[in-house]
Amino acid sequence: MTTADAALAILPANAASCADLQTVFGPRGPARVCQCQRYKLAPREAFRSFPAAERAERLREQTACGDPRAKATSGLVAYVDGDPAGWCGVEPRSNYGGLVRNNRVPWEGRDEDKDDDSVWAVTCFCIRAGFRRRGVGDALAQAAVPHARAHGARAIEGYPMVTTRAILEELHVGTVGMFARAGFTEVARPTLRRAVWRIDF
């Protein structure tokens, strides 16, 4: 695969080093703070209640980064010319407690079993500064589909922003264009700004 005449590789997060994963999340900013834990917080747990270092440790455990023999299925890491460039959070939807507890996204208007772990979710994209607008996000969205299917998913869905005029912190969920180009189809519009896009295998 290529993007902007550069070699692009997508690896399961456990096949990437933990140092590379943290390089993608960067030294500062919302991604560094979140560590892809927004939808993993326990009930009544908030970012202010525990340090960012603990969130990073949770991500290491969830991804089993640096251990290619592990059976971890949480996330994908993109490399451009060998440099860590992007992250995509993708795993069984039931693993995301924040989604399960949410009353609107992704549930409103749909009759879904919240505990069905055969439905996978794409919840987060993080593209490293210097690699944005080069197709890395699109490549990650596309790679999430065979990744989920190879691990037994019967469907995969994402919850993108409807408008690209959202602030950067909101765009971590991706845009409708990214999901459309990856072959997803809109199945619900729980809010004016958020949609549910899905592929059934």
N, C-alpha and C. Protein backbone atom coordinates (compact mmCIF):
# COMPACT_ATOMS: atom_id res chain seq x y z
N MET A 1 0.84 -1.19 0.00
CA MET A 1 0.00 0.00 0.00
C MET A 1 0.88 1.24 0.00
N THR A 2 0.44 2.28 -0.69
CA THR A 2 1.21 3.52 -0.70
C THR A 2 0.31 4.71 -0.41
N THR A 3 0.88 5.74 0.14
CA THR A 3 0.18 7.00 0.35
C THR A 3 1.16 8.12 0.09
N ALA A 4 0.80 9.03 -0.79
CA ALA A 4 1.67 10.16 -1.14
C ALA A 4 3.07 9.67 -1.50
N ASP A 5 3.12 8.58 -2.30
CA ASP A 5 4.39 8.02 -2.78
C ASP A 5 5.27 7.49 -1.66
N ALA A 6 4.69 7.21 -0.51
CA ALA A 6 5.45 6.63 0.60
C ALA A 6 4.88 5.26 0.91
N ALA A 7 5.73 4.38 1.42
CA ALA A 7 5.30 3.04 1.78
C ALA A 7 4.48 3.09 3.06
N LEU A 8 3.30 2.49 3.01
CA LEU A 8 2.39 2.49 4.17
C LEU A 8 2.15 1.06 4.60
N ALA A 9 2.35 0.79 5.88
CA ALA A 9 2.09 -0.54 6.44
C ALA A 9 1.16 -0.39 7.63
N ILE A 10 0.22 -1.31 7.75
CA ILE A 10 -0.71 -1.34 8.89
C ILE A 10 -0.47 -2.63 9.65
N LEU A 11 -0.21 -2.51 10.95
CA LEU A 11 0.07 -3.68 11.79
C LEU A 11 -0.92 -3.74 12.95
N PRO A 12 -1.26 -4.96 13.40
CA PRO A 12 -1.98 -5.07 14.68
C PRO A 12 -1.13 -4.44 15.77
N ALA A 13 -1.77 -3.82 16.74
CA ALA A 13 -1.02 -3.08 17.75
C ALA A 13 -0.04 -3.94 18.52
N ASN A 14 -0.35 -5.22 18.69
CA ASN A 14 0.59 -6.07 19.45
C ASN A 14 1.87 -6.34 18.65
N ALA A 15 1.84 -6.10 17.34
CA ALA A 15 3.04 -6.27 16.51
C ALA A 15 3.86 -4.99 16.45
N ALA A 16 3.35 -3.92 17.03
CA ALA A 16 4.08 -2.65 17.11
C ALA A 16 4.73 -2.53 18.48
N SER A 17 5.80 -1.78 18.56
CA SER A 17 6.42 -1.57 19.87
C SER A 17 5.60 -0.56 20.66
N CYS A 18 5.71 -0.65 21.97
CA CYS A 18 5.00 0.31 22.82
C CYS A 18 5.56 1.72 22.62
N ALA A 19 6.86 1.81 22.33
CA ALA A 19 7.46 3.12 22.06
C ALA A 19 6.87 3.73 20.80
N ASP A 20 6.67 2.91 19.77
CA ASP A 20 6.07 3.43 18.53
C ASP A 20 4.64 3.89 18.77
N LEU A 21 3.91 3.13 19.57
CA LEU A 21 2.53 3.51 19.86
C LEU A 21 2.49 4.86 20.57
N GLN A 22 3.37 5.06 21.53
CA GLN A 22 3.39 6.33 22.25
C GLN A 22 3.90 7.47 21.36
N THR A 23 4.73 7.16 20.38
CA THR A 23 5.16 8.18 19.42
C THR A 23 3.96 8.70 18.64
N VAL A 24 3.05 7.80 18.26
CA VAL A 24 1.84 8.21 17.55
C VAL A 24 1.00 9.14 18.42
N PHE A 25 0.83 8.80 19.68
CA PHE A 25 -0.01 9.60 20.57
C PHE A 25 0.63 10.94 20.93
N GLY A 26 1.95 11.04 20.76
CA GLY A 26 2.62 12.32 20.88
C GLY A 26 2.94 12.73 22.30
N PRO A 27 3.73 13.79 22.44
CA PRO A 27 4.17 14.24 23.76
C PRO A 27 3.18 15.14 24.48
N ARG A 28 2.14 15.63 23.77
CA ARG A 28 1.17 16.54 24.37
C ARG A 28 -0.12 16.48 23.57
N GLY A 29 -1.16 17.14 24.10
CA GLY A 29 -2.41 17.23 23.37
C GLY A 29 -3.44 16.20 23.81
N PRO A 30 -4.63 16.26 23.22
CA PRO A 30 -5.74 15.38 23.65
C PRO A 30 -5.44 13.90 23.54
N ALA A 31 -4.75 13.48 22.48
CA ALA A 31 -4.47 12.05 22.30
C ALA A 31 -3.56 11.53 23.41
N ARG A 32 -2.56 12.32 23.76
CA ARG A 32 -1.63 11.93 24.83
C ARG A 32 -2.38 11.82 26.15
N VAL A 33 -3.32 12.72 26.38
CA VAL A 33 -4.10 12.68 27.61
C VAL A 33 -5.03 11.47 27.64
N CYS A 34 -5.71 11.22 26.51
CA CYS A 34 -6.74 10.19 26.48
C CYS A 34 -6.17 8.77 26.46
N GLN A 35 -5.14 8.54 25.63
CA GLN A 35 -4.58 7.21 25.46
C GLN A 35 -5.65 6.19 25.03
N CYS A 36 -6.60 6.67 24.26
CA CYS A 36 -7.70 5.85 23.75
C CYS A 36 -8.49 5.16 24.87
N GLN A 37 -8.70 5.88 25.95
CA GLN A 37 -9.41 5.32 27.09
C GLN A 37 -10.79 5.95 27.29
N ARG A 38 -11.19 6.88 26.45
CA ARG A 38 -12.47 7.57 26.64
C ARG A 38 -13.63 6.59 26.79
N TYR A 39 -13.68 5.58 25.94
CA TYR A 39 -14.79 4.64 25.98
C TYR A 39 -14.49 3.42 26.85
N LYS A 40 -13.33 3.45 27.53
CA LYS A 40 -12.95 2.34 28.40
C LYS A 40 -13.09 2.67 29.88
N LEU A 41 -13.44 3.91 30.20
CA LEU A 41 -13.55 4.29 31.61
C LEU A 41 -14.65 3.52 32.31
N ALA A 42 -14.40 3.18 33.56
CA ALA A 42 -15.41 2.50 34.38
C ALA A 42 -16.49 3.50 34.79
N PRO A 43 -17.65 3.02 35.23
CA PRO A 43 -18.69 3.94 35.71
C PRO A 43 -18.14 4.88 36.79
N ARG A 44 -18.47 6.17 36.66
CA ARG A 44 -18.06 7.22 37.59
C ARG A 44 -16.55 7.46 37.61
N GLU A 45 -15.83 6.87 36.66
CA GLU A 45 -14.40 7.13 36.55
C GLU A 45 -14.19 8.29 35.58
N ALA A 46 -13.25 9.17 35.88
CA ALA A 46 -12.96 10.32 35.03
C ALA A 46 -11.46 10.46 34.87
N PHE A 47 -11.03 11.12 33.80
CA PHE A 47 -9.60 11.30 33.56
C PHE A 47 -8.91 11.98 34.74
N ARG A 48 -9.61 12.90 35.39
CA ARG A 48 -8.98 13.64 36.50
C ARG A 48 -8.74 12.76 37.73
N SER A 49 -9.34 11.55 37.74
CA SER A 49 -9.23 10.71 38.93
C SER A 49 -8.01 9.80 38.93
N PHE A 50 -7.28 9.76 37.83
CA PHE A 50 -6.05 8.97 37.82
C PHE A 50 -5.10 9.54 36.76
N PRO A 51 -3.80 9.35 36.94
CA PRO A 51 -2.82 10.04 36.08
C PRO A 51 -2.77 9.48 34.67
N ALA A 52 -2.28 10.31 33.75
CA ALA A 52 -2.16 9.90 32.35
C ALA A 52 -1.25 8.69 32.20
N ALA A 53 -0.26 8.57 33.08
CA ALA A 53 0.65 7.42 33.00
C ALA A 53 -0.12 6.11 33.20
N GLU A 54 -1.15 6.14 34.03
CA GLU A 54 -1.95 4.93 34.23
C GLU A 54 -2.79 4.63 32.99
N ARG A 55 -3.27 5.67 32.32
CA ARG A 55 -4.00 5.44 31.08
C ARG A 55 -3.10 4.81 30.02
N ALA A 56 -1.86 5.28 29.95
CA ALA A 56 -0.90 4.71 29.01
C ALA A 56 -0.61 3.25 29.34
N GLU A 57 -0.53 2.93 30.63
CA GLU A 57 -0.31 1.55 31.04
C GLU A 57 -1.51 0.68 30.66
N ARG A 58 -2.71 1.21 30.82
CA ARG A 58 -3.90 0.46 30.41
C ARG A 58 -3.86 0.16 28.92
N LEU A 59 -3.45 1.15 28.13
CA LEU A 59 -3.38 0.94 26.69
C LEU A 59 -2.35 -0.13 26.36
N ARG A 60 -1.22 -0.12 27.05
CA ARG A 60 -0.21 -1.16 26.82
C ARG A 60 -0.78 -2.55 27.10
N GLU A 61 -1.54 -2.66 28.18
CA GLU A 61 -2.14 -3.96 28.52
C GLU A 61 -3.21 -4.36 27.51
N GLN A 62 -4.02 -3.41 27.08
CA GLN A 62 -5.09 -3.71 26.14
C GLN A 62 -4.57 -4.13 24.77
N THR A 63 -3.47 -3.52 24.35
CA THR A 63 -2.93 -3.81 23.02
C THR A 63 -1.90 -4.92 23.02
N ALA A 64 -1.31 -5.22 24.17
CA ALA A 64 -0.18 -6.14 24.25
C ALA A 64 0.92 -5.69 23.29
N CYS A 65 1.10 -4.37 23.16
CA CYS A 65 2.10 -3.85 22.24
C CYS A 65 3.47 -4.45 22.56
N GLY A 66 4.21 -4.75 21.51
CA GLY A 66 5.52 -5.34 21.66
C GLY A 66 5.52 -6.84 21.84
N ASP A 67 4.36 -7.48 21.77
CA ASP A 67 4.27 -8.93 21.93
C ASP A 67 3.48 -9.53 20.76
N PRO A 68 4.13 -9.76 19.62
CA PRO A 68 3.41 -10.26 18.44
C PRO A 68 2.80 -11.64 18.62
N ARG A 69 3.21 -12.36 19.67
CA ARG A 69 2.61 -13.69 19.92
C ARG A 69 1.33 -13.61 20.73
N ALA A 70 1.04 -12.44 21.26
CA ALA A 70 -0.17 -12.27 22.08
C ALA A 70 -1.41 -12.37 21.20
N LYS A 71 -2.53 -12.69 21.82
CA LYS A 71 -3.80 -12.80 21.10
C LYS A 71 -4.60 -11.51 21.14
N ALA A 72 -3.97 -10.42 21.57
CA ALA A 72 -4.67 -9.14 21.66
C ALA A 72 -5.19 -8.72 20.29
N THR A 73 -6.37 -8.14 20.27
CA THR A 73 -6.99 -7.70 19.02
C THR A 73 -7.31 -6.21 19.04
N SER A 74 -6.83 -5.51 20.05
CA SER A 74 -7.21 -4.11 20.24
C SER A 74 -6.30 -3.18 19.46
N GLY A 75 -6.77 -2.67 18.34
CA GLY A 75 -6.10 -1.58 17.66
C GLY A 75 -5.15 -1.95 16.54
N LEU A 76 -4.93 -0.95 15.69
CA LEU A 76 -4.01 -1.04 14.56
C LEU A 76 -3.08 0.16 14.59
N VAL A 77 -1.86 -0.05 14.12
CA VAL A 77 -0.87 1.02 14.04
C VAL A 77 -0.40 1.14 12.60
N ALA A 78 -0.37 2.38 12.08
CA ALA A 78 0.10 2.64 10.72
C ALA A 78 1.53 3.15 10.75
N TYR A 79 2.31 2.69 9.77
CA TYR A 79 3.68 3.16 9.58
C TYR A 79 3.81 3.73 8.18
N VAL A 80 4.47 4.86 8.04
CA VAL A 80 4.78 5.45 6.75
C VAL A 80 6.30 5.49 6.62
N ASP A 81 6.81 4.77 5.63
CA ASP A 81 8.26 4.66 5.45
C ASP A 81 8.96 4.24 6.74
N GLY A 82 8.30 3.37 7.49
CA GLY A 82 8.89 2.85 8.72
C GLY A 82 8.66 3.69 9.95
N ASP A 83 8.11 4.87 9.79
CA ASP A 83 7.85 5.75 10.94
C ASP A 83 6.44 5.54 11.46
N PRO A 84 6.24 5.40 12.77
CA PRO A 84 4.88 5.27 13.32
C PRO A 84 4.08 6.53 13.02
N ALA A 85 2.90 6.35 12.40
CA ALA A 85 2.17 7.50 11.87
C ALA A 85 0.73 7.60 12.34
N GLY A 86 0.11 6.48 12.73
CA GLY A 86 -1.30 6.56 13.08
C GLY A 86 -1.78 5.38 13.88
N TRP A 87 -2.93 5.57 14.50
CA TRP A 87 -3.57 4.57 15.37
C TRP A 87 -5.05 4.52 15.04
N CYS A 88 -5.61 3.31 15.14
CA CYS A 88 -7.05 3.11 15.02
C CYS A 88 -7.49 2.16 16.12
N GLY A 89 -8.41 2.61 16.96
CA GLY A 89 -8.98 1.75 17.99
C GLY A 89 -10.09 0.90 17.39
N VAL A 90 -9.92 -0.40 17.38
CA VAL A 90 -10.94 -1.30 16.84
C VAL A 90 -10.89 -2.62 17.60
N GLU A 91 -12.03 -3.03 18.11
CA GLU A 91 -12.15 -4.29 18.84
C GLU A 91 -13.63 -4.57 19.08
N PRO A 92 -13.98 -5.68 19.73
CA PRO A 92 -15.40 -5.96 19.98
C PRO A 92 -16.09 -4.78 20.67
N ARG A 93 -17.26 -4.44 20.15
CA ARG A 93 -18.02 -3.29 20.67
C ARG A 93 -18.29 -3.42 22.16
N SER A 94 -18.51 -4.63 22.64
CA SER A 94 -18.84 -4.85 24.04
C SER A 94 -17.68 -4.52 24.97
N ASN A 95 -16.46 -4.39 24.43
CA ASN A 95 -15.30 -4.02 25.24
C ASN A 95 -15.31 -2.54 25.62
N TYR A 96 -16.12 -1.75 24.93
CA TYR A 96 -16.16 -0.31 25.16
C TYR A 96 -17.31 0.02 26.11
N GLY A 97 -17.01 0.02 27.40
CA GLY A 97 -18.04 0.27 28.40
C GLY A 97 -18.74 1.60 28.22
N GLY A 98 -18.00 2.60 27.76
CA GLY A 98 -18.60 3.91 27.53
C GLY A 98 -19.66 3.89 26.45
N LEU A 99 -19.47 3.06 25.44
CA LEU A 99 -20.50 2.90 24.41
C LEU A 99 -21.70 2.14 24.96
N VAL A 100 -21.43 1.10 25.70
CA VAL A 100 -22.52 0.28 26.24
C VAL A 100 -23.43 1.11 27.14
N ARG A 101 -22.83 2.03 27.91
CA ARG A 101 -23.62 2.83 28.85
C ARG A 101 -24.29 4.05 28.20
N ASN A 102 -23.86 4.43 27.01
CA ASN A 102 -24.41 5.61 26.36
C ASN A 102 -25.85 5.37 25.93
N ASN A 103 -26.70 6.35 26.12
CA ASN A 103 -28.11 6.19 25.78
C ASN A 103 -28.42 6.52 24.32
N ARG A 104 -27.53 7.26 23.64
CA ARG A 104 -27.84 7.70 22.27
C ARG A 104 -26.91 7.07 21.23
N VAL A 105 -25.63 7.39 21.31
CA VAL A 105 -24.68 6.85 20.33
C VAL A 105 -24.04 5.61 20.94
N PRO A 106 -24.18 4.45 20.31
CA PRO A 106 -24.73 4.21 18.97
C PRO A 106 -26.12 3.59 18.95
N TRP A 107 -26.89 3.68 20.04
CA TRP A 107 -28.05 2.82 20.19
C TRP A 107 -29.37 3.40 19.70
N GLU A 108 -29.54 4.71 19.75
CA GLU A 108 -30.86 5.28 19.49
C GLU A 108 -31.37 4.91 18.09
N GLY A 109 -32.63 4.42 18.07
CA GLY A 109 -33.25 4.04 16.81
C GLY A 109 -32.88 2.66 16.31
N ARG A 110 -32.14 1.88 17.11
CA ARG A 110 -31.74 0.54 16.69
C ARG A 110 -32.04 -0.46 17.78
N ASP A 111 -32.35 -1.67 17.39
CA ASP A 111 -32.58 -2.77 18.32
C ASP A 111 -31.34 -3.65 18.30
N GLU A 112 -30.40 -3.36 19.21
CA GLU A 112 -29.11 -4.04 19.22
C GLU A 112 -28.84 -4.66 20.59
N ASP A 113 -28.22 -5.82 20.58
CA ASP A 113 -27.76 -6.47 21.80
C ASP A 113 -26.43 -5.83 22.20
N LYS A 114 -26.43 -5.07 23.27
CA LYS A 114 -25.22 -4.36 23.68
C LYS A 114 -24.09 -5.29 24.09
N ASP A 115 -24.41 -6.52 24.44
CA ASP A 115 -23.39 -7.47 24.89
C ASP A 115 -22.90 -8.38 23.77
N ASP A 116 -23.32 -8.13 22.54
CA ASP A 116 -22.93 -8.97 21.40
C ASP A 116 -21.49 -8.67 21.02
N ASP A 117 -20.56 -9.56 21.40
CA ASP A 117 -19.15 -9.30 21.11
C ASP A 117 -18.74 -9.69 19.69
N SER A 118 -19.71 -10.14 18.88
CA SER A 118 -19.39 -10.42 17.48
C SER A 118 -19.53 -9.17 16.61
N VAL A 119 -20.04 -8.09 17.19
CA VAL A 119 -20.06 -6.80 16.50
C VAL A 119 -18.87 -5.99 16.99
N TRP A 120 -18.03 -5.59 16.06
CA TRP A 120 -16.84 -4.82 16.40
C TRP A 120 -17.09 -3.33 16.17
N ALA A 121 -16.30 -2.50 16.84
CA ALA A 121 -16.46 -1.06 16.75
C ALA A 121 -15.12 -0.39 16.45
N VAL A 122 -15.16 0.59 15.56
CA VAL A 122 -14.03 1.48 15.31
C VAL A 122 -14.35 2.77 16.06
N THR A 123 -13.60 3.05 17.09
CA THR A 123 -13.95 4.17 17.97
C THR A 123 -13.02 5.37 17.89
N CYS A 124 -11.81 5.18 17.38
CA CYS A 124 -10.83 6.24 17.53
C CYS A 124 -9.77 6.19 16.44
N PHE A 125 -9.40 7.38 15.97
CA PHE A 125 -8.26 7.54 15.07
C PHE A 125 -7.34 8.59 15.67
N CYS A 126 -6.06 8.34 15.56
CA CYS A 126 -5.06 9.32 15.97
C CYS A 126 -3.98 9.31 14.89
N ILE A 127 -3.84 10.41 14.18
CA ILE A 127 -2.82 10.53 13.15
C ILE A 127 -1.76 11.51 13.65
N ARG A 128 -0.54 11.08 13.63
CA ARG A 128 0.57 11.87 14.16
C ARG A 128 0.80 13.11 13.32
N ALA A 129 1.14 14.20 14.00
CA ALA A 129 1.49 15.43 13.30
C ALA A 129 2.59 15.16 12.29
N GLY A 130 2.42 15.70 11.09
CA GLY A 130 3.38 15.47 10.02
C GLY A 130 2.94 14.39 9.06
N PHE A 131 1.90 13.61 9.45
CA PHE A 131 1.40 12.53 8.60
C PHE A 131 -0.08 12.71 8.25
N ARG A 132 -0.64 13.85 8.64
CA ARG A 132 -2.06 14.08 8.38
C ARG A 132 -2.28 14.51 6.93
N ARG A 133 -3.51 14.27 6.46
CA ARG A 133 -3.90 14.60 5.09
C ARG A 133 -3.07 13.85 4.06
N ARG A 134 -2.67 12.63 4.44
CA ARG A 134 -1.89 11.80 3.52
C ARG A 134 -2.54 10.43 3.32
N GLY A 135 -3.79 10.30 3.74
CA GLY A 135 -4.50 9.05 3.54
C GLY A 135 -4.29 8.01 4.61
N VAL A 136 -3.62 8.36 5.69
CA VAL A 136 -3.35 7.38 6.75
C VAL A 136 -4.64 6.98 7.45
N GLY A 137 -5.51 7.95 7.74
CA GLY A 137 -6.79 7.63 8.38
C GLY A 137 -7.64 6.73 7.51
N ASP A 138 -7.71 7.02 6.21
CA ASP A 138 -8.46 6.18 5.30
C ASP A 138 -7.91 4.76 5.30
N ALA A 139 -6.60 4.64 5.25
CA ALA A 139 -5.98 3.31 5.22
C ALA A 139 -6.28 2.53 6.49
N LEU A 140 -6.29 3.21 7.63
CA LEU A 140 -6.61 2.53 8.89
C LEU A 140 -8.06 2.08 8.92
N ALA A 141 -8.98 2.94 8.46
CA ALA A 141 -10.39 2.55 8.42
C ALA A 141 -10.59 1.33 7.52
N GLN A 142 -9.92 1.32 6.39
CA GLN A 142 -10.04 0.20 5.47
C GLN A 142 -9.43 -1.07 6.07
N ALA A 143 -8.30 -0.95 6.75
CA ALA A 143 -7.64 -2.12 7.34
C ALA A 143 -8.43 -2.69 8.51
N ALA A 144 -9.22 -1.86 9.18
CA ALA A 144 -10.01 -2.35 10.32
C ALA A 144 -11.01 -3.41 9.89
N VAL A 145 -11.48 -3.35 8.65
CA VAL A 145 -12.51 -4.29 8.18
C VAL A 145 -11.98 -5.72 8.12
N PRO A 146 -10.92 -6.03 7.38
CA PRO A 146 -10.41 -7.41 7.39
C PRO A 146 -9.85 -7.83 8.74
N HIS A 147 -9.34 -6.86 9.51
CA HIS A 147 -8.83 -7.20 10.85
C HIS A 147 -9.95 -7.75 11.72
N ALA A 148 -11.09 -7.05 11.73
CA ALA A 148 -12.22 -7.52 12.53
C ALA A 148 -12.75 -8.85 12.01
N ARG A 149 -12.88 -8.95 10.72
CA ARG A 149 -13.43 -10.17 10.12
C ARG A 149 -12.54 -11.37 10.42
N ALA A 150 -11.22 -11.18 10.36
CA ALA A 150 -10.28 -12.27 10.62
C ALA A 150 -10.35 -12.76 12.06
N HIS A 151 -10.85 -11.90 12.95
CA HIS A 151 -10.97 -12.28 14.36
C HIS A 151 -12.39 -12.68 14.74
N GLY A 152 -13.21 -13.00 13.75
CA GLY A 152 -14.51 -13.58 14.02
C GLY A 152 -15.68 -12.62 14.08
N ALA A 153 -15.47 -11.37 13.73
CA ALA A 153 -16.58 -10.41 13.77
C ALA A 153 -17.61 -10.76 12.71
N ARG A 154 -18.88 -10.57 13.04
CA ARG A 154 -19.94 -10.73 12.04
C ARG A 154 -20.37 -9.39 11.47
N ALA A 155 -19.90 -8.31 12.12
CA ALA A 155 -20.19 -6.95 11.65
C ALA A 155 -19.17 -6.02 12.28
N ILE A 156 -19.00 -4.85 11.64
CA ILE A 156 -18.14 -3.81 12.19
C ILE A 156 -18.83 -2.48 11.95
N GLU A 157 -18.71 -1.59 12.92
CA GLU A 157 -19.35 -0.29 12.76
C GLU A 157 -18.49 0.81 13.37
N GLY A 158 -18.77 2.04 12.93
CA GLY A 158 -18.10 3.21 13.46
C GLY A 158 -19.10 4.31 13.68
N TYR A 159 -18.69 5.37 14.36
CA TYR A 159 -19.61 6.41 14.80
C TYR A 159 -19.04 7.80 14.45
N PRO A 160 -18.89 8.08 13.16
CA PRO A 160 -18.18 9.29 12.73
C PRO A 160 -18.97 10.57 12.92
N MET A 161 -18.23 11.67 12.83
CA MET A 161 -18.83 12.99 12.81
C MET A 161 -19.43 13.24 11.43
N VAL A 162 -20.59 13.86 11.40
CA VAL A 162 -21.27 14.17 10.14
C VAL A 162 -20.61 15.36 9.46
N THR A 163 -20.08 16.28 10.22
CA THR A 163 -19.47 17.48 9.65
C THR A 163 -17.97 17.50 9.92
N THR A 164 -17.21 18.02 8.98
CA THR A 164 -15.77 18.16 9.19
C THR A 164 -15.43 19.50 9.83
N ARG A 165 -16.46 20.30 10.15
CA ARG A 165 -16.21 21.58 10.81
C ARG A 165 -16.15 21.43 12.33
N ALA A 166 -16.14 20.20 12.79
CA ALA A 166 -16.02 19.96 14.23
C ALA A 166 -14.62 20.30 14.71
N ILE A 167 -14.49 20.54 15.99
CA ILE A 167 -13.16 20.80 16.53
C ILE A 167 -12.35 19.51 16.49
N LEU A 168 -11.04 19.64 16.50
CA LEU A 168 -10.14 18.52 16.32
C LEU A 168 -10.42 17.40 17.32
N GLU A 169 -10.71 17.76 18.58
CA GLU A 169 -10.93 16.74 19.60
C GLU A 169 -12.12 15.85 19.26
N GLU A 170 -13.10 16.38 18.51
CA GLU A 170 -14.26 15.58 18.15
C GLU A 170 -13.98 14.65 16.98
N LEU A 171 -13.02 15.02 16.15
CA LEU A 171 -12.77 14.24 14.94
C LEU A 171 -11.99 12.96 15.20
N HIS A 172 -11.68 12.68 16.47
CA HIS A 172 -11.00 11.41 16.75
C HIS A 172 -11.86 10.21 16.36
N VAL A 173 -13.17 10.41 16.21
CA VAL A 173 -14.05 9.29 15.84
C VAL A 173 -14.07 9.07 14.33
N GLY A 174 -13.43 9.96 13.56
CA GLY A 174 -13.43 9.83 12.12
C GLY A 174 -14.56 10.63 11.48
N THR A 175 -14.52 10.70 10.16
CA THR A 175 -15.54 11.41 9.40
C THR A 175 -16.35 10.42 8.58
N VAL A 176 -17.53 10.85 8.14
CA VAL A 176 -18.36 9.96 7.34
C VAL A 176 -17.64 9.59 6.05
N GLY A 177 -16.86 10.51 5.49
CA GLY A 177 -16.14 10.22 4.26
C GLY A 177 -15.16 9.08 4.41
N MET A 178 -14.47 9.03 5.54
CA MET A 178 -13.52 7.94 5.80
C MET A 178 -14.23 6.60 5.80
N PHE A 179 -15.37 6.54 6.46
CA PHE A 179 -16.10 5.27 6.54
C PHE A 179 -16.74 4.90 5.20
N ALA A 180 -17.22 5.89 4.48
CA ALA A 180 -17.79 5.62 3.16
C ALA A 180 -16.73 5.02 2.23
N ARG A 181 -15.55 5.61 2.24
CA ARG A 181 -14.47 5.11 1.37
C ARG A 181 -13.99 3.73 1.78
N ALA A 182 -14.23 3.36 3.03
CA ALA A 182 -13.84 2.03 3.51
C ALA A 182 -14.93 0.99 3.28
N GLY A 183 -16.05 1.40 2.68
CA GLY A 183 -17.11 0.45 2.34
C GLY A 183 -18.22 0.33 3.35
N PHE A 184 -18.24 1.20 4.37
CA PHE A 184 -19.32 1.19 5.35
C PHE A 184 -20.54 1.89 4.77
N THR A 185 -21.72 1.60 5.35
CA THR A 185 -22.97 2.22 4.95
C THR A 185 -23.65 2.79 6.19
N GLU A 186 -24.24 3.97 6.05
CA GLU A 186 -24.94 4.57 7.18
C GLU A 186 -26.19 3.77 7.53
N VAL A 187 -26.34 3.44 8.82
CA VAL A 187 -27.51 2.68 9.27
C VAL A 187 -28.33 3.44 10.30
N ALA A 188 -27.79 4.53 10.86
CA ALA A 188 -28.54 5.29 11.86
C ALA A 188 -27.93 6.67 11.98
N ARG A 189 -28.75 7.62 12.48
CA ARG A 189 -28.29 8.99 12.73
C ARG A 189 -28.80 9.37 14.13
N PRO A 190 -28.12 8.89 15.19
CA PRO A 190 -28.62 9.13 16.55
C PRO A 190 -28.62 10.59 16.98
N THR A 191 -27.73 11.40 16.42
CA THR A 191 -27.72 12.83 16.72
C THR A 191 -27.48 13.59 15.41
N LEU A 192 -27.60 14.90 15.47
CA LEU A 192 -27.37 15.70 14.27
C LEU A 192 -25.93 15.60 13.78
N ARG A 193 -25.02 15.38 14.70
CA ARG A 193 -23.59 15.41 14.36
C ARG A 193 -22.93 14.04 14.35
N ARG A 194 -23.63 13.01 14.78
CA ARG A 194 -23.03 11.68 14.82
C ARG A 194 -23.90 10.68 14.07
N ALA A 195 -23.24 9.78 13.35
CA ALA A 195 -23.93 8.75 12.58
C ALA A 195 -23.35 7.39 12.94
N VAL A 196 -24.08 6.34 12.60
CA VAL A 196 -23.59 4.97 12.74
C VAL A 196 -23.41 4.41 11.33
N TRP A 197 -22.20 4.02 11.02
CA TRP A 197 -21.88 3.40 9.73
C TRP A 197 -21.42 1.97 9.99
N ARG A 198 -21.83 1.04 9.10
CA ARG A 198 -21.66 -0.38 9.44
C ARG A 198 -21.43 -1.23 8.19
N ILE A 199 -20.73 -2.34 8.40
CA ILE A 199 -20.61 -3.41 7.42
C ILE A 199 -21.03 -4.70 8.10
N ASP A 200 -21.94 -5.44 7.50
CA ASP A 200 -22.29 -6.78 7.97
C ASP A 200 -21.60 -7.79 7.06
N PHE A 201 -20.90 -8.73 7.66
CA PHE A 201 -20.16 -9.71 6.86
C PHE A 201 -21.06 -10.89 6.47
